[in-house]
Amino acid sequence: MLDDEPNQPNIHHPHDKGYRQILTNKKSFLQLIKSFIKENWVNDINEDDLILVNKSYITKDFTEKEADIVYKLKTRQAEIIFYILLELQSTVDFLMPFRLLQYMVEIWREVYNNTPSEKRERKDFRLPPIIPAVLYNGKDNWTVGLNFKEMLGGYQNFEQHLLDFRYIFFDVNRYSEKELYQMANLVASVFLLDQTITHEELIRRFKKLARVLKRLTPEEFRQFATWLINVLKPKFASYMQKELDNVLCKNSPLEVDIMIMNLEITLDEMQKKARDEGRDEGKKEAQKNIARAALKKGASIDFISEITGLTEEEIQKLKDQMN
């Protein structure tokens, strides 16, 4: 059997932490499966039949790059394992099918080792099916083959003899805005806000999502707010992050309108500050240009300071650079 003793992985990437805390909730995981996999078998999965395996199968070479989520599904016929790899990096990894195979083998190895020898040597012993999946939120199109056999050179000539599997692929940035709004659930809302968008577009989507967010359960809204802090906050300048903590740390769906209003105000202030800093930098550079011209004409440092507003130390530094 699969070892499901707690062994939480170290999470290094804020996206990994944000998505993992959502998808380790069985209800949210089921939302992902039933909303984005268009196959008949998903309709038969019940939340009570899912068991989260609190263990990572990422090999040590990749522990700082990715995270994974594992669930067991117990049915009357068999035990099935869902293995989801969170590939939340900016670049496409062309070794993905091979890496998935390594992690799947690690799971099977554990099942084998945890099965008593008298049981695994019986004719009817079977390894559990593993359904691999990848969740990706990069900007670049995913150009990696979805079938493992595509990694094998010349596989076309020997297909019937080769190992193969096809992984499920969740591509956050390729779902349309319309279909995500229509799903109207926590996972779709997160995908919608995680897509690469401007601050203005972020506020527009937030406002349009208000109706959906207000219908979340308190537990779902807590997950949503935590995801915002882990994923949305790091996208902003460091001087804004403390202020964003106060905006995003809401505890109830009833506070959605307040959250959106405060976020809009905060973004407006950030953009105004950026514009003001841009103007200040432009003014400073103009002062330096005047000072350089005056230095070339032989003007004294104190005179240049008087006409430009620059300090004598700043002018001396310019003079040293010119020399």
C-alpha atoms as a PDB file:
ATOM      1  CA  MET A   1       0.000   0.000   0.000  1.00  0.00           C
ATOM      2  CA  LEU A   2       1.023   3.615  -0.463  1.00  0.00           C
ATOM      3  CA  ASP A   3       2.641   5.249   2.552  1.00  0.00           C
ATOM      4  CA  ASP A   4       0.570   8.302   3.496  1.00  0.00           C
ATOM      5  CA  GLU A   5       2.408   9.268   6.661  1.00  0.00           C
ATOM      6  CA  PRO A   6       2.946  13.074   6.920  1.00  0.00           C
ATOM      7  CA  ASN A   7       6.118  14.114   5.142  1.00  0.00           C
ATOM      8  CA  GLN A   8       5.438  17.598   3.824  1.00  0.00           C
ATOM      9  CA  PRO A   9       7.867  18.806   1.159  1.00  0.00           C
ATOM     10  CA  ASN A  10       9.780  22.054   1.411  1.00  0.00           C
ATOM     11  CA  ILE A  11       8.041  24.636  -0.768  1.00  0.00           C
ATOM     12  CA  HIS A  12      10.420  27.186  -2.301  1.00  0.00           C
ATOM     13  CA  HIS A  13       8.329  28.918  -4.958  1.00  0.00           C
ATOM     14  CA  PRO A  14       5.419  31.170  -3.820  1.00  0.00           C
ATOM     15  CA  HIS A  15       3.221  29.801  -6.604  1.00  0.00           C
ATOM     16  CA  ASP A  16       3.878  26.256  -5.398  1.00  0.00           C
ATOM     17  CA  LYS A  17       2.866  27.191  -1.858  1.00  0.00           C
ATOM     18  CA  GLY A  18      -0.227  29.038  -3.071  1.00  0.00           C
ATOM     19  CA  TYR A  19      -1.517  26.252  -5.317  1.00  0.00           C
ATOM     20  CA  ARG A  20      -0.549  23.470  -2.948  1.00  0.00           C
ATOM     21  CA  GLN A  21      -2.533  24.898  -0.038  1.00  0.00           C
ATOM     22  CA  ILE A  22      -5.609  25.029  -2.300  1.00  0.00           C
ATOM     23  CA  LEU A  23      -5.271  21.631  -3.956  1.00  0.00           C
ATOM     24  CA  THR A  24      -4.492  19.732  -0.770  1.00  0.00           C
ATOM     25  CA  ASN A  25      -8.088  20.509   0.155  1.00  0.00           C
ATOM     26  CA  LYS A  26     -10.161  17.595  -1.195  1.00  0.00           C
ATOM     27  CA  LYS A  27     -13.092  19.758  -2.272  1.00  0.00           C
ATOM     28  CA  SER A  28     -10.834  22.075  -4.280  1.00  0.00           C
ATOM     29  CA  PHE A  29      -8.947  19.150  -5.806  1.00  0.00           C
ATOM     30  CA  LEU A  30     -12.262  17.690  -6.914  1.00  0.00           C
ATOM     31  CA  GLN A  31     -13.173  21.060  -8.468  1.00  0.00           C
ATOM     32  CA  LEU A  32      -9.982  20.928 -10.518  1.00  0.00           C
ATOM     33  CA  ILE A  33     -10.661  17.385 -11.683  1.00  0.00           C
ATOM     34  CA  LYS A  34     -14.344  17.821 -12.500  1.00  0.00           C
ATOM     35  CA  SER A  35     -14.046  21.304 -14.046  1.00  0.00           C
ATOM     36  CA  PHE A  36     -11.052  20.759 -16.315  1.00  0.00           C
ATOM     37  CA  ILE A  37     -11.001  17.045 -17.233  1.00  0.00           C
ATOM     38  CA  LYS A  38     -13.621  16.254 -19.832  1.00  0.00           C
ATOM     39  CA  GLU A  39     -13.800  12.490 -19.332  1.00  0.00           C
ATOM     40  CA  ASN A  40     -16.687  10.379 -18.070  1.00  0.00           C
ATOM     41  CA  TRP A  41     -14.823   8.706 -15.203  1.00  0.00           C
ATOM     42  CA  VAL A  42     -14.494  11.977 -13.260  1.00  0.00           C
ATOM     43  CA  ASN A  43     -18.256  12.012 -12.633  1.00  0.00           C
ATOM     44  CA  ASP A  44     -17.974   8.901 -10.453  1.00  0.00           C
ATOM     45  CA  ILE A  45     -15.423  10.380  -8.020  1.00  0.00           C
ATOM     46  CA  ASN A  46     -16.719  11.299  -4.573  1.00  0.00           C
ATOM     47  CA  GLU A  47     -14.919  13.521  -2.099  1.00  0.00           C
ATOM     48  CA  ASP A  48     -15.207  10.888   0.652  1.00  0.00           C
ATOM     49  CA  ASP A  49     -13.289   8.382  -1.482  1.00  0.00           C
ATOM     50  CA  LEU A  50     -10.235  10.634  -1.815  1.00  0.00           C
ATOM     51  CA  ILE A  51      -7.303  10.404   0.580  1.00  0.00           C
ATOM     52  CA  LEU A  52      -4.502  12.984   0.500  1.00  0.00           C
ATOM     53  CA  VAL A  53      -1.021  11.450   0.645  1.00  0.00           C
ATOM     54  CA  ASN A  54       1.083  13.865   2.691  1.00  0.00           C
ATOM     55  CA  LYS A  55       4.306  12.986   0.983  1.00  0.00           C
ATOM     56  CA  SER A  56       6.387  14.276  -1.909  1.00  0.00           C
ATOM     57  CA  TYR A  57       8.011  12.061  -4.539  1.00  0.00           C
ATOM     58  CA  ILE A  58      10.126  14.811  -6.097  1.00  0.00           C
ATOM     59  CA  THR A  59      13.728  13.667  -6.414  1.00  0.00           C
ATOM     60  CA  LYS A  60      16.349  15.758  -4.616  1.00  0.00           C
ATOM     61  CA  ASP A  61      17.593  17.234  -7.919  1.00  0.00           C
ATOM     62  CA  PHE A  62      14.298  19.078  -8.386  1.00  0.00           C
ATOM     63  CA  THR A  63      13.113  19.884  -4.841  1.00  0.00           C
ATOM     64  CA  GLU A  64      13.843  23.595  -5.293  1.00  0.00           C
ATOM     65  CA  LYS A  65      12.105  23.740  -8.656  1.00  0.00           C
ATOM     66  CA  GLU A  66       8.724  22.086  -8.252  1.00  0.00           C
ATOM     67  CA  ALA A  67       6.170  20.559  -5.894  1.00  0.00           C
ATOM     68  CA  ASP A  68       3.723  17.691  -6.201  1.00  0.00           C
ATOM     69  CA  ILE A  69       0.345  16.599  -4.854  1.00  0.00           C
ATOM     70  CA  VAL A  70      -0.713  12.979  -4.462  1.00  0.00           C
ATOM     71  CA  TYR A  71      -4.177  11.556  -3.803  1.00  0.00           C
ATOM     72  CA  LYS A  72      -5.397   7.996  -3.426  1.00  0.00           C
ATOM     73  CA  LEU A  73      -8.856   7.193  -4.757  1.00  0.00           C
ATOM     74  CA  LYS A  74     -10.354   4.116  -3.159  1.00  0.00           C
ATOM     75  CA  THR A  75     -13.040   2.401  -5.220  1.00  0.00           C
ATOM     76  CA  ARG A  76     -14.710  -0.955  -4.768  1.00  0.00           C
ATOM     77  CA  GLN A  77     -12.567  -2.408  -7.539  1.00  0.00           C
ATOM     78  CA  ALA A  78      -9.153  -0.871  -6.897  1.00  0.00           C
ATOM     79  CA  GLU A  79      -6.990   1.907  -5.527  1.00  0.00           C
ATOM     80  CA  ILE A  80      -6.102   4.610  -8.040  1.00  0.00           C
ATOM     81  CA  ILE A  81      -3.449   7.283  -7.528  1.00  0.00           C
ATOM     82  CA  PHE A  82      -3.586  10.840  -8.854  1.00  0.00           C
ATOM     83  CA  TYR A  83      -0.158  12.431  -9.188  1.00  0.00           C
ATOM     84  CA  ILE A  84      -0.098  16.171  -9.973  1.00  0.00           C
ATOM     85  CA  LEU A  85       3.180  17.979 -10.595  1.00  0.00           C
ATOM     86  CA  LEU A  86       3.107  21.761 -10.080  1.00  0.00           C
ATOM     87  CA  GLU A  87       5.263  23.100 -12.906  1.00  0.00           C
ATOM     88  CA  LEU A  88       4.998  26.782 -12.029  1.00  0.00           C
ATOM     89  CA  GLN A  89       8.208  28.043 -13.579  1.00  0.00           C
ATOM     90  CA  SER A  90       8.665  30.594 -16.348  1.00  0.00           C
ATOM     91  CA  THR A  91      10.216  28.157 -18.831  1.00  0.00           C
ATOM     92  CA  VAL A  92       9.031  24.985 -20.521  1.00  0.00           C
ATOM     93  CA  ASP A  93      10.758  21.787 -19.351  1.00  0.00           C
ATOM     94  CA  PHE A  94      11.176  19.355 -22.243  1.00  0.00           C
ATOM     95  CA  LEU A  95      12.147  16.511 -19.870  1.00  0.00           C
ATOM     96  CA  MET A  96       8.753  16.589 -18.181  1.00  0.00           C
ATOM     97  CA  PRO A  97       7.540  13.116 -19.373  1.00  0.00           C
ATOM     98  CA  PHE A  98      10.795  11.531 -18.173  1.00  0.00           C
ATOM     99  CA  ARG A  99      10.586  13.266 -14.778  1.00  0.00           C
ATOM    100  CA  LEU A 100       6.982  12.130 -14.357  1.00  0.00           C
ATOM    101  CA  LEU A 101       8.052   8.570 -15.083  1.00  0.00           C
ATOM    102  CA  GLN A 102      10.707   8.760 -12.342  1.00  0.00           C
ATOM    103  CA  TYR A 103       8.166   9.970  -9.774  1.00  0.00           C
ATOM    104  CA  MET A 104       5.627   7.335 -10.792  1.00  0.00           C
ATOM    105  CA  VAL A 105       8.245   4.605 -10.412  1.00  0.00           C
ATOM    106  CA  GLU A 106       9.053   5.938  -6.928  1.00  0.00           C
ATOM    107  CA  ILE A 107       5.387   5.537  -5.983  1.00  0.00           C
ATOM    108  CA  TRP A 108       5.220   1.992  -7.360  1.00  0.00           C
ATOM    109  CA  ARG A 109       8.472   1.147  -5.595  1.00  0.00           C
ATOM    110  CA  GLU A 110       6.960   2.267  -2.302  1.00  0.00           C
ATOM    111  CA  VAL A 111       3.798   0.264  -2.905  1.00  0.00           C
ATOM    112  CA  TYR A 112       5.883  -2.820  -3.666  1.00  0.00           C
ATOM    113  CA  ASN A 113       8.085  -2.400  -0.584  1.00  0.00           C
ATOM    114  CA  ASN A 114       5.088  -1.817   1.696  1.00  0.00           C
ATOM    115  CA  THR A 115       3.259  -4.907   0.452  1.00  0.00           C
ATOM    116  CA  PRO A 116       3.961  -8.130   2.365  1.00  0.00           C
ATOM    117  CA  SER A 117       5.986 -10.560   0.256  1.00  0.00           C
ATOM    118  CA  GLU A 118       3.341 -13.296   0.442  1.00  0.00           C
ATOM    119  CA  LYS A 119       0.793 -10.887  -1.053  1.00  0.00           C
ATOM    120  CA  ARG A 120       2.912  -9.357  -3.804  1.00  0.00           C
ATOM    121  CA  GLU A 121       4.025 -12.806  -4.997  1.00  0.00           C
ATOM    122  CA  ARG A 122       0.473 -13.896  -5.640  1.00  0.00           C
ATOM    123  CA  LYS A 123      -0.819 -14.156  -9.167  1.00  0.00           C
ATOM    124  CA  ASP A 124      -3.521 -11.527  -8.595  1.00  0.00           C
ATOM    125  CA  PHE A 125      -1.154  -8.832  -7.196  1.00  0.00           C
ATOM    126  CA  ARG A 126      -1.494  -5.596  -9.139  1.00  0.00           C
ATOM    127  CA  LEU A 127       0.205  -2.222  -8.858  1.00  0.00           C
ATOM    128  CA  PRO A 128      -2.202   0.723  -8.578  1.00  0.00           C
ATOM    129  CA  PRO A 129      -2.868   2.755 -11.732  1.00  0.00           C
ATOM    130  CA  ILE A 130      -1.272   6.206 -11.551  1.00  0.00           C
ATOM    131  CA  ILE A 131      -2.910   9.107 -13.387  1.00  0.00           C
ATOM    132  CA  PRO A 132      -0.177  11.726 -13.906  1.00  0.00           C
ATOM    133  CA  ALA A 133      -0.977  15.405 -14.445  1.00  0.00           C
ATOM    134  CA  VAL A 134       0.928  18.687 -14.775  1.00  0.00           C
ATOM    135  CA  LEU A 135      -0.330  22.126 -13.730  1.00  0.00           C
ATOM    136  CA  TYR A 136       1.519  24.854 -15.658  1.00  0.00           C
ATOM    137  CA  ASN A 137       1.130  28.650 -15.513  1.00  0.00           C
ATOM    138  CA  GLY A 138       3.988  29.863 -17.721  1.00  0.00           C
ATOM    139  CA  LYS A 139       3.569  32.488 -20.425  1.00  0.00           C
ATOM    140  CA  ASP A 140       5.188  30.359 -23.142  1.00  0.00           C
ATOM    141  CA  ASN A 141       3.160  27.766 -25.027  1.00  0.00           C
ATOM    142  CA  TRP A 142       3.711  24.217 -23.759  1.00  0.00           C
ATOM    143  CA  THR A 143       5.465  22.513 -26.656  1.00  0.00           C
ATOM    144  CA  VAL A 144       6.349  19.287 -24.831  1.00  0.00           C
ATOM    145  CA  GLY A 145       4.707  16.062 -26.000  1.00  0.00           C
ATOM    146  CA  LEU A 146       1.947  14.752 -23.748  1.00  0.00           C
ATOM    147  CA  ASN A 147       2.900  11.114 -24.410  1.00  0.00           C
ATOM    148  CA  PHE A 148       6.006   9.602 -22.859  1.00  0.00           C
ATOM    149  CA  LYS A 149       6.877   7.666 -26.028  1.00  0.00           C
ATOM    150  CA  GLU A 150       7.573  10.956 -27.820  1.00  0.00           C
ATOM    151  CA  MET A 151      10.782  11.201 -25.780  1.00  0.00           C
ATOM    152  CA  LEU A 152      12.057   7.965 -27.318  1.00  0.00           C
ATOM    153  CA  GLY A 153      14.055   8.253 -30.513  1.00  0.00           C
ATOM    154  CA  GLY A 154      12.548   6.260 -33.389  1.00  0.00           C
ATOM    155  CA  TYR A 155       9.588   5.110 -31.280  1.00  0.00           C
ATOM    156  CA  GLN A 156       7.354   4.930 -34.375  1.00  0.00           C
ATOM    157  CA  ASN A 157       8.980   1.674 -35.457  1.00  0.00           C
ATOM    158  CA  PHE A 158       8.493  -0.130 -32.130  1.00  0.00           C
ATOM    159  CA  GLU A 159       5.365   1.427 -30.566  1.00  0.00           C
ATOM    160  CA  GLN A 160       3.702  -1.849 -29.602  1.00  0.00           C
ATOM    161  CA  HIS A 161       6.725  -2.853 -27.497  1.00  0.00           C
ATOM    162  CA  LEU A 162       7.410   0.449 -25.690  1.00  0.00           C
ATOM    163  CA  LEU A 163       6.366   1.862 -22.344  1.00  0.00           C
ATOM    164  CA  ASP A 164       3.975   4.790 -22.762  1.00  0.00           C
ATOM    165  CA  PHE A 165       1.567   6.989 -20.817  1.00  0.00           C
ATOM    166  CA  ARG A 166      -0.242  10.273 -21.478  1.00  0.00           C
ATOM    167  CA  TYR A 167      -0.363  12.884 -18.748  1.00  0.00           C
ATOM    168  CA  ILE A 168      -3.224  15.313 -18.107  1.00  0.00           C
ATOM    169  CA  PHE A 169      -2.226  18.929 -18.688  1.00  0.00           C
ATOM    170  CA  PHE A 170      -3.728  21.960 -16.909  1.00  0.00           C
ATOM    171  CA  ASP A 171      -2.540  25.119 -18.689  1.00  0.00           C
ATOM    172  CA  VAL A 172      -3.589  28.114 -16.564  1.00  0.00           C
ATOM    173  CA  ASN A 173      -2.909  30.806 -19.167  1.00  0.00           C
ATOM    174  CA  ARG A 174      -4.636  29.019 -22.059  1.00  0.00           C
ATOM    175  CA  TYR A 175      -8.159  28.805 -20.582  1.00  0.00           C
ATOM    176  CA  SER A 176     -10.387  31.558 -21.901  1.00  0.00           C
ATOM    177  CA  GLU A 177     -11.745  34.232 -19.603  1.00  0.00           C
ATOM    178  CA  LYS A 178     -15.283  33.254 -20.584  1.00  0.00           C
ATOM    179  CA  GLU A 179     -14.993  29.571 -19.656  1.00  0.00           C
ATOM    180  CA  LEU A 180     -13.342  30.389 -16.324  1.00  0.00           C
ATOM    181  CA  TYR A 181     -16.153  32.797 -15.394  1.00  0.00           C
ATOM    182  CA  GLN A 182     -18.724  30.177 -16.343  1.00  0.00           C
ATOM    183  CA  MET A 183     -17.172  27.590 -14.010  1.00  0.00           C
ATOM    184  CA  ALA A 184     -17.766  30.023 -11.109  1.00  0.00           C
ATOM    185  CA  ASN A 185     -15.703  28.209  -8.463  1.00  0.00           C
ATOM    186  CA  LEU A 186     -12.570  28.725  -6.381  1.00  0.00           C
ATOM    187  CA  VAL A 187     -10.071  27.006  -8.705  1.00  0.00           C
ATOM    188  CA  ALA A 188     -11.359  28.782 -11.829  1.00  0.00           C
ATOM    189  CA  SER A 189     -11.208  32.139  -9.980  1.00  0.00           C
ATOM    190  CA  VAL A 190      -7.589  31.504  -9.030  1.00  0.00           C
ATOM    191  CA  PHE A 191      -6.686  30.590 -12.629  1.00  0.00           C
ATOM    192  CA  LEU A 192      -8.403  33.753 -13.855  1.00  0.00           C
ATOM    193  CA  LEU A 193      -6.394  36.017 -11.548  1.00  0.00           C
ATOM    194  CA  ASP A 194      -3.126  34.145 -12.145  1.00  0.00           C
ATOM    195  CA  GLN A 195      -3.186  34.731 -15.883  1.00  0.00           C
ATOM    196  CA  THR A 196      -0.683  37.334 -17.068  1.00  0.00           C
ATOM    197  CA  ILE A 197      -2.613  40.608 -16.828  1.00  0.00           C
ATOM    198  CA  THR A 198      -2.108  44.321 -16.100  1.00  0.00           C
ATOM    199  CA  HIS A 199      -3.101  45.909 -12.799  1.00  0.00           C
ATOM    200  CA  GLU A 200      -6.123  47.524 -14.468  1.00  0.00           C
ATOM    201  CA  GLU A 201      -7.230  44.160 -15.871  1.00  0.00           C
ATOM    202  CA  LEU A 202      -6.708  42.576 -12.455  1.00  0.00           C
ATOM    203  CA  ILE A 203      -9.163  45.020 -10.860  1.00  0.00           C
ATOM    204  CA  ARG A 204     -11.678  44.493 -13.683  1.00  0.00           C
ATOM    205  CA  ARG A 205     -11.567  40.727 -13.211  1.00  0.00           C
ATOM    206  CA  PHE A 206     -11.786  41.064  -9.447  1.00  0.00           C
ATOM    207  CA  LYS A 207     -14.945  43.151  -9.759  1.00  0.00           C
ATOM    208  CA  LYS A 208     -16.471  40.680 -12.194  1.00  0.00           C
ATOM    209  CA  LEU A 209     -15.587  37.805  -9.838  1.00  0.00           C
ATOM    210  CA  ALA A 210     -17.184  39.484  -6.791  1.00  0.00           C
ATOM    211  CA  ARG A 211     -20.425  37.521  -7.197  1.00  0.00           C
ATOM    212  CA  VAL A 212     -18.531  34.200  -7.314  1.00  0.00           C
ATOM    213  CA  LEU A 213     -16.273  35.066  -4.378  1.00  0.00           C
ATOM    214  CA  LYS A 214     -19.226  36.016  -2.182  1.00  0.00           C
ATOM    215  CA  ARG A 215     -20.648  32.516  -2.656  1.00  0.00           C
ATOM    216  CA  LEU A 216     -17.486  30.772  -1.436  1.00  0.00           C
ATOM    217  CA  THR A 217     -17.640  28.987   1.891  1.00  0.00           C
ATOM    218  CA  PRO A 218     -15.572  30.572   4.705  1.00  0.00           C
ATOM    219  CA  GLU A 219     -12.974  27.797   4.271  1.00  0.00           C
ATOM    220  CA  GLU A 220     -12.758  28.365   0.500  1.00  0.00           C
ATOM    221  CA  PHE A 221     -12.437  32.112   1.009  1.00  0.00           C
ATOM    222  CA  ARG A 222      -9.633  31.554   3.520  1.00  0.00           C
ATOM    223  CA  GLN A 223      -7.830  29.455   0.892  1.00  0.00           C
ATOM    224  CA  PHE A 224      -8.446  32.170  -1.712  1.00  0.00           C
ATOM    225  CA  ALA A 225      -7.048  34.936   0.545  1.00  0.00           C
ATOM    226  CA  THR A 226      -3.996  32.796   1.368  1.00  0.00           C
ATOM    227  CA  TRP A 227      -3.418  32.152  -2.341  1.00  0.00           C
ATOM    228  CA  LEU A 228      -3.570  35.910  -3.015  1.00  0.00           C
ATOM    229  CA  ILE A 229      -0.934  36.566  -0.350  1.00  0.00           C
ATOM    230  CA  ASN A 230       1.369  33.813  -1.632  1.00  0.00           C
ATOM    231  CA  VAL A 231       0.961  34.486  -5.357  1.00  0.00           C
ATOM    232  CA  LEU A 232      -0.348  37.999  -5.983  1.00  0.00           C
ATOM    233  CA  LYS A 233       1.636  39.944  -3.379  1.00  0.00           C
ATOM    234  CA  PRO A 234       5.134  38.986  -4.662  1.00  0.00           C
ATOM    235  CA  LYS A 235       4.241  40.524  -8.040  1.00  0.00           C
ATOM    236  CA  PHE A 236       4.230  44.003  -6.468  1.00  0.00           C
ATOM    237  CA  ALA A 237       7.076  46.296  -5.426  1.00  0.00           C
ATOM    238  CA  SER A 238       8.493  45.544  -1.979  1.00  0.00           C
ATOM    239  CA  TYR A 239       7.355  48.867  -0.520  1.00  0.00           C
ATOM    240  CA  MET A 240       3.736  47.937  -1.355  1.00  0.00           C
ATOM    241  CA  GLN A 241       3.730  44.423   0.082  1.00  0.00           C
ATOM    242  CA  LYS A 242       3.103  45.349   3.711  1.00  0.00           C
ATOM    243  CA  GLU A 243       0.159  47.478   2.673  1.00  0.00           C
ATOM    244  CA  LEU A 244      -1.156  44.628   0.518  1.00  0.00           C
ATOM    245  CA  ASP A 245      -1.123  42.350   3.588  1.00  0.00           C
ATOM    246  CA  ASN A 246      -3.762  44.574   5.167  1.00  0.00           C
ATOM    247  CA  VAL A 247      -5.799  44.592   1.949  1.00  0.00           C
ATOM    248  CA  LEU A 248      -5.693  40.857   1.261  1.00  0.00           C
ATOM    249  CA  CYS A 249      -6.034  39.459   4.779  1.00  0.00           C
ATOM    250  CA  LYS A 250      -9.817  39.231   4.814  1.00  0.00           C
ATOM    251  CA  ASN A 251     -11.633  36.410   6.576  1.00  0.00           C
ATOM    252  CA  SER A 252     -15.096  36.339   5.075  1.00  0.00           C
ATOM    253  CA  PRO A 253     -16.797  36.365   1.660  1.00  0.00           C
ATOM    254  CA  LEU A 254     -18.815  39.305   3.022  1.00  0.00           C
ATOM    255  CA  GLU A 255     -15.616  41.368   2.869  1.00  0.00           C
ATOM    256  CA  VAL A 256     -15.094  40.882  -0.873  1.00  0.00           C
ATOM    257  CA  ASP A 257     -16.286  44.385  -1.808  1.00  0.00           C
ATOM    258  CA  ILE A 258     -13.989  45.920   0.818  1.00  0.00           C
ATOM    259  CA  MET A 259     -11.058  43.848  -0.450  1.00  0.00           C
ATOM    260  CA  ILE A 260     -11.644  44.916  -4.069  1.00  0.00           C
ATOM    261  CA  MET A 261     -12.096  48.594  -3.155  1.00  0.00           C
ATOM    262  CA  ASN A 262      -8.921  48.651  -1.024  1.00  0.00           C
ATOM    263  CA  LEU A 263      -6.955  46.772  -3.672  1.00  0.00           C
ATOM    264  CA  GLU A 264      -8.010  49.302  -6.312  1.00  0.00           C
ATOM    265  CA  ILE A 265      -6.970  52.196  -4.052  1.00  0.00           C
ATOM    266  CA  THR A 266      -3.635  50.523  -3.313  1.00  0.00           C
ATOM    267  CA  LEU A 267      -2.900  49.905  -6.995  1.00  0.00           C
ATOM    268  CA  ASP A 268      -3.796  53.513  -7.858  1.00  0.00           C
ATOM    269  CA  GLU A 269      -1.428  54.758  -5.154  1.00  0.00           C
ATOM    270  CA  MET A 270       1.323  52.480  -6.417  1.00  0.00           C
ATOM    271  CA  GLN A 271       0.934  53.684 -10.002  1.00  0.00           C
ATOM    272  CA  LYS A 272       0.869  57.345  -8.872  1.00  0.00           C
ATOM    273  CA  LYS A 273       4.039  56.823  -6.868  1.00  0.00           C
ATOM    274  CA  ALA A 274       5.711  55.173  -9.877  1.00  0.00           C
ATOM    275  CA  ARG A 275       4.732  58.140 -12.095  1.00  0.00           C
ATOM    276  CA  ASP A 276       5.997  60.627  -9.485  1.00  0.00           C
ATOM    277  CA  GLU A 277       9.276  58.742  -9.168  1.00  0.00           C
ATOM    278  CA  GLY A 278       9.609  58.755 -12.944  1.00  0.00           C
ATOM    279  CA  ARG A 279       9.117  62.522 -13.035  1.00  0.00           C
ATOM    280  CA  ASP A 280      11.599  62.999 -10.166  1.00  0.00           C
ATOM    281  CA  GLU A 281      14.185  60.880 -11.960  1.00  0.00           C
ATOM    282  CA  GLY A 282      13.671  62.890 -15.152  1.00  0.00           C
ATOM    283  CA  LYS A 283      14.066  66.161 -13.261  1.00  0.00           C
ATOM    284  CA  LYS A 284      17.214  64.881 -11.539  1.00  0.00           C
ATOM    285  CA  GLU A 285      18.765  63.825 -14.834  1.00  0.00           C
ATOM    286  CA  ALA A 286      18.026  67.267 -16.343  1.00  0.00           C
ATOM    287  CA  GLN A 287      19.769  68.910 -13.366  1.00  0.00           C
ATOM    288  CA  LYS A 288      22.795  66.670 -13.889  1.00  0.00           C
ATOM    289  CA  ASN A 289      22.943  67.564 -17.588  1.00  0.00           C
ATOM    290  CA  ILE A 290      22.982  71.277 -16.701  1.00  0.00           C
ATOM    291  CA  ALA A 291      25.705  70.646 -14.130  1.00  0.00           C
ATOM    292  CA  ARG A 292      27.859  68.742 -16.647  1.00  0.00           C
ATOM    293  CA  ALA A 293      27.533  71.578 -19.167  1.00  0.00           C
ATOM    294  CA  ALA A 294      28.445  74.158 -16.517  1.00  0.00           C
ATOM    295  CA  LEU A 295      31.460  72.126 -15.400  1.00  0.00           C
ATOM    296  CA  LYS A 296      32.721  72.027 -18.983  1.00  0.00           C
ATOM    297  CA  LYS A 297      32.500  75.835 -19.037  1.00  0.00           C
ATOM    298  CA  GLY A 298      34.597  76.019 -15.873  1.00  0.00           C
ATOM    299  CA  ALA A 299      31.849  77.168 -13.485  1.00  0.00           C
ATOM    300  CA  SER A 300      32.500  76.722  -9.768  1.00  0.00           C
ATOM    301  CA  ILE A 301      30.865  73.905  -7.819  1.00  0.00           C
ATOM    302  CA  ASP A 302      29.054  76.224  -5.407  1.00  0.00           C
ATOM    303  CA  PHE A 303      27.617  78.253  -8.317  1.00  0.00           C
ATOM    304  CA  ILE A 304      26.416  75.092 -10.081  1.00  0.00           C
ATOM    305  CA  SER A 305      24.823  73.883  -6.837  1.00  0.00           C
ATOM    306  CA  GLU A 306      22.953  77.173  -6.557  1.00  0.00           C
ATOM    307  CA  ILE A 307      21.501  77.061 -10.089  1.00  0.00           C
ATOM    308  CA  THR A 308      20.687  73.326 -10.222  1.00  0.00           C
ATOM    309  CA  GLY A 309      19.715  72.440  -6.664  1.00  0.00           C
ATOM    310  CA  LEU A 310      22.183  69.540  -6.623  1.00  0.00           C
ATOM    311  CA  THR A 311      24.404  69.142  -3.563  1.00  0.00           C
ATOM    312  CA  GLU A 312      28.088  69.993  -3.826  1.00  0.00           C
ATOM    313  CA  GLU A 313      28.877  66.313  -3.184  1.00  0.00           C
ATOM    314  CA  GLU A 314      26.718  65.267  -6.181  1.00  0.00           C
ATOM    315  CA  ILE A 315      28.430  67.833  -8.411  1.00  0.00           C
ATOM    316  CA  GLN A 316      31.888  66.754  -7.261  1.00  0.00           C
ATOM    317  CA  LYS A 317      30.982  63.171  -8.109  1.00  0.00           C
ATOM    318  CA  LEU A 318      29.901  64.249 -11.614  1.00  0.00           C
ATOM    319  CA  LYS A 319      33.165  66.138 -12.028  1.00  0.00           C
ATOM    320  CA  ASP A 320      35.191  63.106 -10.978  1.00  0.00           C
ATOM    321  CA  GLN A 321      33.264  60.942 -13.451  1.00  0.00           C
ATOM    322  CA  MET A 322      33.918  63.440 -16.271  1.00  0.00           C
ATOM    323  CA  ASN A 323      37.620  63.527 -15.460  1.00  0.00           C
END
